[in-house]
Amino acid sequence: MKEERIKDAVKLQFEMIHLFHKNFARIFHQLRNSKYNLNKNQNKAIMIIGAVDNIMPTTLGKCIDLQKGSLTTMIDALEREELVCRKGDPDDRRKTLISLTEKGKDYREWFMGEIEKNASEILQKLDEEDIIAYQESLKTMLATLKKLDETA
């Protein structure tokens, strides 16, 4: 029984990922009125770093599925734009943490507003009942993913 549910969950997950990317992922590269010319991974990195304040590069790489070399190049580019900074971990001198600068925080705030506007345009196609169901499904998925993250 459990194995069948897992098989079904895997199929649903990949169908959901495909449709999510088809409908929403374009938001990350449609923004043309920014003073920064960031690609989708750079935008995702800004969003993730801002959500947690400080993050180790390896953790960031796992979150956006980037290998070490590509990740270093991306962080270097964001640092040149003065959107992020590297600093030592006060609890462990061997570790480096990435955080947003004030420019990075301002950019993230602007970017969040743009994402909300674009996502709102997409979701306006649904009636309120469907939006509520979508919202509740996202809450359930987020809670489940947090449980998985805690066991990793």
N, C-alpha and C. Protein backbone atom coordinates (compact mmCIF):
# COMPACT_ATOMS: atom_id res chain seq x y z
N MET A 1 0.84 -1.20 0.00
CA MET A 1 0.00 0.00 0.00
C MET A 1 0.88 1.26 0.00
N LYS A 2 1.84 1.32 0.94
CA LYS A 2 2.71 2.49 1.03
C LYS A 2 3.52 2.67 -0.26
N GLU A 3 4.03 1.56 -0.81
CA GLU A 3 4.83 1.64 -2.04
C GLU A 3 4.01 2.19 -3.21
N GLU A 4 2.75 1.78 -3.31
CA GLU A 4 1.88 2.29 -4.38
C GLU A 4 1.65 3.79 -4.20
N ARG A 5 1.43 4.23 -2.98
CA ARG A 5 1.23 5.66 -2.71
C ARG A 5 2.49 6.45 -3.06
N ILE A 6 3.64 5.89 -2.75
CA ILE A 6 4.91 6.56 -3.08
C ILE A 6 5.05 6.68 -4.59
N LYS A 7 4.78 5.61 -5.32
CA LYS A 7 4.85 5.65 -6.79
C LYS A 7 3.94 6.74 -7.35
N ASP A 8 2.72 6.78 -6.84
CA ASP A 8 1.75 7.77 -7.29
C ASP A 8 2.22 9.19 -6.93
N ALA A 9 2.78 9.35 -5.74
CA ALA A 9 3.29 10.66 -5.31
C ALA A 9 4.41 11.13 -6.21
N VAL A 10 5.30 10.23 -6.59
CA VAL A 10 6.42 10.59 -7.48
C VAL A 10 5.88 11.07 -8.83
N LYS A 11 4.92 10.35 -9.38
CA LYS A 11 4.33 10.75 -10.67
C LYS A 11 3.67 12.14 -10.55
N LEU A 12 2.90 12.32 -9.50
CA LEU A 12 2.23 13.60 -9.29
C LEU A 12 3.23 14.73 -9.10
N GLN A 13 4.30 14.45 -8.37
CA GLN A 13 5.33 15.46 -8.12
C GLN A 13 5.93 15.95 -9.42
N PHE A 14 6.31 15.05 -10.31
CA PHE A 14 6.93 15.47 -11.55
C PHE A 14 5.94 16.15 -12.49
N GLU A 15 4.70 15.72 -12.46
CA GLU A 15 3.68 16.41 -13.25
C GLU A 15 3.48 17.84 -12.72
N MET A 16 3.48 17.97 -11.38
CA MET A 16 3.32 19.28 -10.76
C MET A 16 4.51 20.19 -11.09
N ILE A 17 5.73 19.65 -10.99
CA ILE A 17 6.93 20.44 -11.28
C ILE A 17 6.89 20.96 -12.71
N HIS A 18 6.54 20.09 -13.63
CA HIS A 18 6.44 20.49 -15.05
C HIS A 18 5.44 21.63 -15.23
N LEU A 19 4.27 21.48 -14.66
CA LEU A 19 3.23 22.51 -14.83
C LEU A 19 3.57 23.79 -14.07
N PHE A 20 4.21 23.66 -12.91
CA PHE A 20 4.63 24.84 -12.17
C PHE A 20 5.63 25.64 -13.00
N HIS A 21 6.62 24.96 -13.55
CA HIS A 21 7.62 25.65 -14.37
C HIS A 21 6.98 26.28 -15.61
N LYS A 22 6.07 25.56 -16.22
CA LYS A 22 5.40 26.08 -17.41
C LYS A 22 4.62 27.36 -17.10
N ASN A 23 3.97 27.40 -15.94
CA ASN A 23 3.12 28.54 -15.61
C ASN A 23 3.82 29.65 -14.84
N PHE A 24 4.80 29.30 -13.98
CA PHE A 24 5.36 30.31 -13.08
C PHE A 24 6.85 30.59 -13.24
N ALA A 25 7.64 29.63 -13.67
CA ALA A 25 9.10 29.81 -13.68
C ALA A 25 9.53 30.95 -14.59
N ARG A 26 8.75 31.24 -15.61
CA ARG A 26 9.12 32.33 -16.52
C ARG A 26 9.18 33.67 -15.80
N ILE A 27 8.53 33.77 -14.66
CA ILE A 27 8.57 35.01 -13.88
C ILE A 27 10.02 35.38 -13.56
N PHE A 28 10.86 34.37 -13.32
CA PHE A 28 12.23 34.63 -12.93
C PHE A 28 13.08 35.20 -14.05
N HIS A 29 12.65 35.11 -15.31
CA HIS A 29 13.43 35.74 -16.36
C HIS A 29 12.67 36.73 -17.21
N GLN A 30 11.49 37.11 -16.83
CA GLN A 30 10.73 38.08 -17.61
C GLN A 30 10.96 39.52 -17.19
N LEU A 31 11.68 39.75 -16.13
CA LEU A 31 11.82 41.09 -15.60
C LEU A 31 12.86 41.87 -16.40
N ARG A 32 12.40 42.88 -17.10
CA ARG A 32 13.29 43.65 -17.97
C ARG A 32 13.58 45.05 -17.42
N ASN A 33 12.86 45.50 -16.41
CA ASN A 33 13.00 46.87 -15.93
C ASN A 33 13.88 46.96 -14.69
N SER A 34 14.83 46.03 -14.55
CA SER A 34 15.75 46.05 -13.42
C SER A 34 17.05 46.69 -13.83
N LYS A 35 17.72 47.35 -12.88
CA LYS A 35 19.03 47.92 -13.20
C LYS A 35 20.10 46.85 -13.20
N TYR A 36 19.76 45.64 -12.71
CA TYR A 36 20.69 44.52 -12.73
C TYR A 36 20.22 43.53 -13.79
N ASN A 37 21.15 42.93 -14.48
CA ASN A 37 20.83 41.96 -15.51
C ASN A 37 21.10 40.56 -14.97
N LEU A 38 20.28 40.13 -14.01
CA LEU A 38 20.50 38.85 -13.36
C LEU A 38 19.77 37.73 -14.09
N ASN A 39 20.40 36.56 -14.09
CA ASN A 39 19.74 35.40 -14.68
C ASN A 39 18.86 34.72 -13.64
N LYS A 40 18.14 33.69 -14.04
CA LYS A 40 17.16 33.07 -13.13
C LYS A 40 17.83 32.47 -11.90
N ASN A 41 18.99 31.86 -12.03
CA ASN A 41 19.66 31.29 -10.86
C ASN A 41 20.14 32.37 -9.90
N GLN A 42 20.60 33.49 -10.44
CA GLN A 42 21.01 34.59 -9.58
C GLN A 42 19.80 35.15 -8.82
N ASN A 43 18.67 35.28 -9.52
CA ASN A 43 17.45 35.74 -8.85
C ASN A 43 17.01 34.76 -7.77
N LYS A 44 17.07 33.47 -8.07
CA LYS A 44 16.70 32.47 -7.07
C LYS A 44 17.63 32.56 -5.87
N ALA A 45 18.92 32.74 -6.12
CA ALA A 45 19.89 32.85 -5.03
C ALA A 45 19.57 34.04 -4.14
N ILE A 46 19.26 35.18 -4.75
CA ILE A 46 18.90 36.38 -3.97
C ILE A 46 17.69 36.09 -3.09
N MET A 47 16.69 35.40 -3.64
CA MET A 47 15.49 35.08 -2.88
C MET A 47 15.81 34.15 -1.70
N ILE A 48 16.62 33.14 -1.94
CA ILE A 48 16.96 32.17 -0.89
C ILE A 48 17.81 32.81 0.19
N ILE A 49 18.84 33.53 -0.21
CA ILE A 49 19.73 34.16 0.77
C ILE A 49 18.94 35.13 1.65
N GLY A 50 18.09 35.93 1.03
CA GLY A 50 17.29 36.88 1.79
C GLY A 50 16.31 36.23 2.74
N ALA A 51 15.87 35.04 2.42
CA ALA A 51 14.90 34.34 3.28
C ALA A 51 15.55 33.81 4.56
N VAL A 52 16.86 33.55 4.50
CA VAL A 52 17.53 32.95 5.67
C VAL A 52 18.61 33.85 6.27
N ASP A 53 18.85 35.01 5.71
CA ASP A 53 19.86 35.97 6.16
C ASP A 53 21.29 35.56 5.82
N ASN A 54 21.75 34.43 6.31
CA ASN A 54 23.10 33.92 6.04
C ASN A 54 23.00 32.48 5.60
N ILE A 55 23.81 32.11 4.61
CA ILE A 55 23.76 30.73 4.13
C ILE A 55 25.16 30.32 3.68
N MET A 56 25.48 29.07 3.93
CA MET A 56 26.76 28.55 3.44
C MET A 56 26.63 28.30 1.94
N PRO A 57 27.69 28.54 1.18
CA PRO A 57 27.61 28.31 -0.27
C PRO A 57 27.16 26.90 -0.65
N THR A 58 27.62 25.89 0.08
CA THR A 58 27.21 24.52 -0.27
C THR A 58 25.71 24.33 -0.10
N THR A 59 25.14 24.93 0.92
CA THR A 59 23.69 24.83 1.14
C THR A 59 22.95 25.56 0.03
N LEU A 60 23.43 26.73 -0.35
CA LEU A 60 22.82 27.49 -1.45
C LEU A 60 22.87 26.67 -2.73
N GLY A 61 24.01 26.04 -2.99
CA GLY A 61 24.15 25.21 -4.19
C GLY A 61 23.14 24.08 -4.24
N LYS A 62 22.87 23.47 -3.09
CA LYS A 62 21.87 22.40 -3.03
C LYS A 62 20.47 22.95 -3.31
N CYS A 63 20.20 24.16 -2.81
CA CYS A 63 18.87 24.75 -2.98
C CYS A 63 18.57 25.09 -4.44
N ILE A 64 19.59 25.49 -5.19
CA ILE A 64 19.34 25.86 -6.59
C ILE A 64 19.97 24.88 -7.58
N ASP A 65 20.45 23.76 -7.06
CA ASP A 65 21.00 22.69 -7.89
C ASP A 65 22.14 23.17 -8.79
N LEU A 66 23.15 23.79 -8.16
CA LEU A 66 24.34 24.23 -8.89
C LEU A 66 25.57 23.53 -8.33
N GLN A 67 26.46 23.12 -9.22
CA GLN A 67 27.73 22.53 -8.82
C GLN A 67 28.65 23.63 -8.29
N LYS A 68 29.68 23.22 -7.57
CA LYS A 68 30.57 24.15 -6.87
C LYS A 68 31.18 25.21 -7.80
N GLY A 69 31.68 24.83 -8.95
CA GLY A 69 32.30 25.78 -9.87
C GLY A 69 31.32 26.83 -10.37
N SER A 70 30.16 26.39 -10.79
CA SER A 70 29.13 27.31 -11.27
C SER A 70 28.63 28.20 -10.14
N LEU A 71 28.52 27.62 -8.96
CA LEU A 71 28.05 28.37 -7.80
C LEU A 71 29.04 29.49 -7.45
N THR A 72 30.33 29.16 -7.45
CA THR A 72 31.36 30.17 -7.14
C THR A 72 31.31 31.30 -8.15
N THR A 73 31.18 30.97 -9.42
CA THR A 73 31.09 31.98 -10.47
C THR A 73 29.88 32.88 -10.25
N MET A 74 28.75 32.27 -9.90
CA MET A 74 27.52 33.04 -9.67
C MET A 74 27.67 33.96 -8.46
N ILE A 75 28.23 33.44 -7.37
CA ILE A 75 28.41 34.27 -6.17
C ILE A 75 29.38 35.40 -6.46
N ASP A 76 30.45 35.12 -7.21
CA ASP A 76 31.40 36.17 -7.60
C ASP A 76 30.69 37.29 -8.36
N ALA A 77 29.83 36.92 -9.29
CA ALA A 77 29.10 37.91 -10.10
C ALA A 77 28.17 38.74 -9.22
N LEU A 78 27.47 38.10 -8.29
CA LEU A 78 26.58 38.83 -7.39
C LEU A 78 27.37 39.74 -6.45
N GLU A 79 28.56 39.30 -6.09
CA GLU A 79 29.43 40.12 -5.24
C GLU A 79 29.92 41.35 -6.02
N ARG A 80 30.29 41.17 -7.29
CA ARG A 80 30.71 42.30 -8.14
C ARG A 80 29.60 43.33 -8.29
N GLU A 81 28.36 42.86 -8.31
CA GLU A 81 27.21 43.77 -8.41
C GLU A 81 26.87 44.39 -7.05
N GLU A 82 27.61 43.97 -6.02
CA GLU A 82 27.42 44.45 -4.64
C GLU A 82 26.05 44.08 -4.07
N LEU A 83 25.55 42.91 -4.50
CA LEU A 83 24.27 42.42 -4.01
C LEU A 83 24.45 41.43 -2.86
N VAL A 84 25.58 40.74 -2.83
CA VAL A 84 25.88 39.81 -1.74
C VAL A 84 27.30 40.07 -1.23
N CYS A 85 27.56 39.56 -0.04
CA CYS A 85 28.92 39.61 0.49
C CYS A 85 29.23 38.28 1.18
N ARG A 86 30.49 37.94 1.15
CA ARG A 86 30.97 36.76 1.87
C ARG A 86 31.53 37.23 3.20
N LYS A 87 31.29 36.43 4.22
CA LYS A 87 31.88 36.73 5.52
C LYS A 87 32.12 35.43 6.26
N GLY A 88 33.04 35.48 7.20
CA GLY A 88 33.35 34.29 7.97
C GLY A 88 32.23 33.98 8.95
N ASP A 89 32.07 32.69 9.22
CA ASP A 89 31.09 32.24 10.21
C ASP A 89 31.69 32.49 11.60
N PRO A 90 31.01 33.29 12.43
CA PRO A 90 31.57 33.57 13.76
C PRO A 90 31.68 32.32 14.65
N ASP A 91 30.91 31.28 14.34
CA ASP A 91 30.94 30.06 15.13
C ASP A 91 31.97 29.04 14.63
N ASP A 92 32.42 29.22 13.38
CA ASP A 92 33.38 28.27 12.80
C ASP A 92 34.21 28.99 11.75
N ARG A 93 35.44 29.32 12.08
CA ARG A 93 36.29 30.12 11.19
C ARG A 93 36.55 29.44 9.85
N ARG A 94 36.34 28.14 9.75
CA ARG A 94 36.58 27.43 8.49
C ARG A 94 35.46 27.67 7.48
N LYS A 95 34.32 28.13 7.93
CA LYS A 95 33.15 28.29 7.07
C LYS A 95 32.99 29.73 6.59
N THR A 96 32.42 29.84 5.41
CA THR A 96 32.07 31.14 4.84
C THR A 96 30.56 31.21 4.73
N LEU A 97 30.02 32.38 5.02
CA LEU A 97 28.58 32.61 4.88
C LEU A 97 28.35 33.67 3.81
N ILE A 98 27.25 33.54 3.11
CA ILE A 98 26.84 34.51 2.09
C ILE A 98 25.63 35.24 2.66
N SER A 99 25.61 36.55 2.51
CA SER A 99 24.44 37.32 2.95
C SER A 99 24.20 38.45 1.96
N LEU A 100 23.01 39.02 2.02
CA LEU A 100 22.68 40.14 1.14
C LEU A 100 23.25 41.43 1.71
N THR A 101 23.71 42.29 0.81
CA THR A 101 24.09 43.64 1.19
C THR A 101 22.82 44.48 1.23
N GLU A 102 22.93 45.74 1.58
CA GLU A 102 21.76 46.62 1.54
C GLU A 102 21.20 46.71 0.12
N LYS A 103 22.09 46.80 -0.88
CA LYS A 103 21.63 46.80 -2.28
C LYS A 103 20.90 45.50 -2.60
N GLY A 104 21.42 44.39 -2.09
CA GLY A 104 20.79 43.09 -2.30
C GLY A 104 19.42 43.01 -1.66
N LYS A 105 19.31 43.56 -0.46
CA LYS A 105 18.01 43.57 0.22
C LYS A 105 17.00 44.43 -0.53
N ASP A 106 17.46 45.59 -1.02
CA ASP A 106 16.58 46.46 -1.81
C ASP A 106 16.13 45.76 -3.09
N TYR A 107 17.10 45.11 -3.77
CA TYR A 107 16.77 44.39 -5.00
C TYR A 107 15.77 43.28 -4.70
N ARG A 108 15.98 42.51 -3.64
CA ARG A 108 15.09 41.40 -3.29
C ARG A 108 13.67 41.92 -3.03
N GLU A 109 13.57 43.04 -2.33
CA GLU A 109 12.26 43.62 -2.05
C GLU A 109 11.56 44.02 -3.36
N TRP A 110 12.31 44.66 -4.25
CA TRP A 110 11.74 45.04 -5.56
C TRP A 110 11.34 43.78 -6.34
N PHE A 111 12.23 42.78 -6.35
CA PHE A 111 11.98 41.55 -7.10
C PHE A 111 10.75 40.82 -6.57
N MET A 112 10.60 40.77 -5.24
CA MET A 112 9.41 40.13 -4.64
C MET A 112 8.14 40.82 -5.13
N GLY A 113 8.17 42.14 -5.19
CA GLY A 113 7.01 42.87 -5.68
C GLY A 113 6.69 42.51 -7.13
N GLU A 114 7.73 42.38 -7.95
CA GLU A 114 7.53 42.01 -9.35
C GLU A 114 6.98 40.59 -9.47
N ILE A 115 7.50 39.69 -8.66
CA ILE A 115 7.00 38.31 -8.67
C ILE A 115 5.53 38.28 -8.27
N GLU A 116 5.20 39.02 -7.23
CA GLU A 116 3.81 39.05 -6.77
C GLU A 116 2.88 39.60 -7.85
N LYS A 117 3.32 40.66 -8.56
CA LYS A 117 2.49 41.21 -9.65
C LYS A 117 2.31 40.18 -10.75
N ASN A 118 3.40 39.54 -11.18
CA ASN A 118 3.31 38.56 -12.26
C ASN A 118 2.52 37.33 -11.87
N ALA A 119 2.74 36.83 -10.66
CA ALA A 119 1.99 35.65 -10.19
C ALA A 119 0.51 35.99 -10.05
N SER A 120 0.23 37.20 -9.61
CA SER A 120 -1.15 37.63 -9.47
C SER A 120 -1.87 37.63 -10.82
N GLU A 121 -1.18 38.10 -11.85
CA GLU A 121 -1.77 38.07 -13.21
C GLU A 121 -2.10 36.65 -13.64
N ILE A 122 -1.21 35.72 -13.32
CA ILE A 122 -1.43 34.32 -13.68
C ILE A 122 -2.60 33.74 -12.90
N LEU A 123 -2.62 33.98 -11.59
CA LEU A 123 -3.65 33.39 -10.73
C LEU A 123 -5.02 34.03 -10.91
N GLN A 124 -5.08 35.23 -11.49
CA GLN A 124 -6.36 35.89 -11.75
C GLN A 124 -7.24 35.06 -12.69
N LYS A 125 -6.63 34.15 -13.42
CA LYS A 125 -7.38 33.30 -14.35
C LYS A 125 -8.25 32.28 -13.60
N LEU A 126 -7.97 32.07 -12.32
CA LEU A 126 -8.71 31.10 -11.52
C LEU A 126 -9.82 31.80 -10.74
N ASP A 127 -10.86 31.03 -10.38
CA ASP A 127 -11.87 31.61 -9.49
C ASP A 127 -11.37 31.49 -8.05
N GLU A 128 -12.02 32.20 -7.14
CA GLU A 128 -11.54 32.28 -5.76
C GLU A 128 -11.46 30.91 -5.09
N GLU A 129 -12.41 30.05 -5.38
CA GLU A 129 -12.41 28.70 -4.80
C GLU A 129 -11.14 27.94 -5.21
N ASP A 130 -10.75 28.04 -6.47
CA ASP A 130 -9.53 27.38 -6.94
C ASP A 130 -8.28 27.99 -6.31
N ILE A 131 -8.29 29.29 -6.11
CA ILE A 131 -7.14 29.96 -5.48
C ILE A 131 -6.99 29.47 -4.03
N ILE A 132 -8.10 29.35 -3.32
CA ILE A 132 -8.07 28.86 -1.94
C ILE A 132 -7.54 27.42 -1.91
N ALA A 133 -8.03 26.58 -2.82
CA ALA A 133 -7.57 25.19 -2.88
C ALA A 133 -6.07 25.13 -3.19
N TYR A 134 -5.62 25.98 -4.12
CA TYR A 134 -4.20 26.04 -4.48
C TYR A 134 -3.36 26.46 -3.28
N GLN A 135 -3.83 27.48 -2.58
CA GLN A 135 -3.13 27.99 -1.40
C GLN A 135 -3.02 26.90 -0.32
N GLU A 136 -4.11 26.20 -0.06
CA GLU A 136 -4.09 25.14 0.94
C GLU A 136 -3.17 23.99 0.53
N SER A 137 -3.17 23.66 -0.76
CA SER A 137 -2.28 22.62 -1.25
C SER A 137 -0.82 23.01 -1.07
N LEU A 138 -0.51 24.27 -1.34
CA LEU A 138 0.87 24.75 -1.16
C LEU A 138 1.28 24.69 0.31
N LYS A 139 0.36 25.04 1.21
CA LYS A 139 0.67 24.95 2.64
C LYS A 139 0.98 23.51 3.04
N THR A 140 0.19 22.57 2.53
CA THR A 140 0.41 21.16 2.83
C THR A 140 1.74 20.69 2.26
N MET A 141 2.02 21.06 1.02
CA MET A 141 3.29 20.67 0.41
C MET A 141 4.47 21.25 1.16
N LEU A 142 4.38 22.50 1.56
CA LEU A 142 5.46 23.15 2.29
C LEU A 142 5.71 22.45 3.63
N ALA A 143 4.65 22.12 4.34
CA ALA A 143 4.80 21.42 5.62
C ALA A 143 5.46 20.05 5.42
N THR A 144 5.06 19.35 4.37
CA THR A 144 5.63 18.03 4.08
C THR A 144 7.10 18.16 3.69
N LEU A 145 7.43 19.13 2.86
CA LEU A 145 8.83 19.34 2.45
C LEU A 145 9.70 19.74 3.62
N LYS A 146 9.15 20.50 4.56
CA LYS A 146 9.91 20.86 5.77
C LYS A 146 10.21 19.62 6.61
N LYS A 147 9.24 18.69 6.69
CA LYS A 147 9.46 17.44 7.41
C LYS A 147 10.59 16.64 6.76
N LEU A 148 10.58 16.57 5.42
CA LEU A 148 11.64 15.87 4.71
C LEU A 148 12.99 16.55 4.94
N ASP A 149 12.98 17.86 4.96
CA ASP A 149 14.23 18.62 5.14
C ASP A 149 14.81 18.37 6.53
N GLU A 150 13.95 18.23 7.52
CA GLU A 150 14.41 17.97 8.89
C GLU A 150 15.04 16.59 9.03
N THR A 151 14.61 15.64 8.21
CA THR A 151 15.16 14.28 8.30
C THR A 151 16.38 14.09 7.42
N ALA A 152 16.68 15.07 6.58
CA ALA A 152 17.83 14.93 5.66
C ALA A 152 19.15 15.05 6.38
